[in-house]
């Protein structure tokens, strides 16, 4: 009988510890996959995020997965952002993917590299509502080869 009670108490304690340690992930991420590993400059990718917490600070990242056969150390993007009840803000971004000392700046496994590149330099507050993002590359090579997927990530900053 004692062993049964001990087993019930131990299981209950273990479950309560597991449940209390679970916290919802405070991020949004959407990606576009390129089955042929080519991104056409005519392909505009659209992403939407709903922001509910206006007191938090957010970081916004460009997410890319590429082969080591990608021929450039950077990528040029045209990004349009529309916040709730505002007009579209257009940005031209030149994002570094590699440098001469370190090589690829992302995390690699075999010949595939993943990178999360910050778009906003400092975390920022966002308005409540739906944000709409669109992006396309503006590189000279078209289609841009060696790209497996690209996307956008919005993370809530924990202070």
Foldseek 3Di string as FASTA:
>chain_A
DVVVVVVVVVVVVVVVVVVVPDDDFFKDKDKDFDPQQWAFQPDKDKDKDFDDDQVFWKWKWKKFKFFLPQDDQWFWKWKWKDAPPGDIDIDIDIGGQADDPPGGPADDDDGMGIDTGTPDPDTHGGDGGMMMMMMGTDDPDGGRGGTGMIIMMMHTDDD
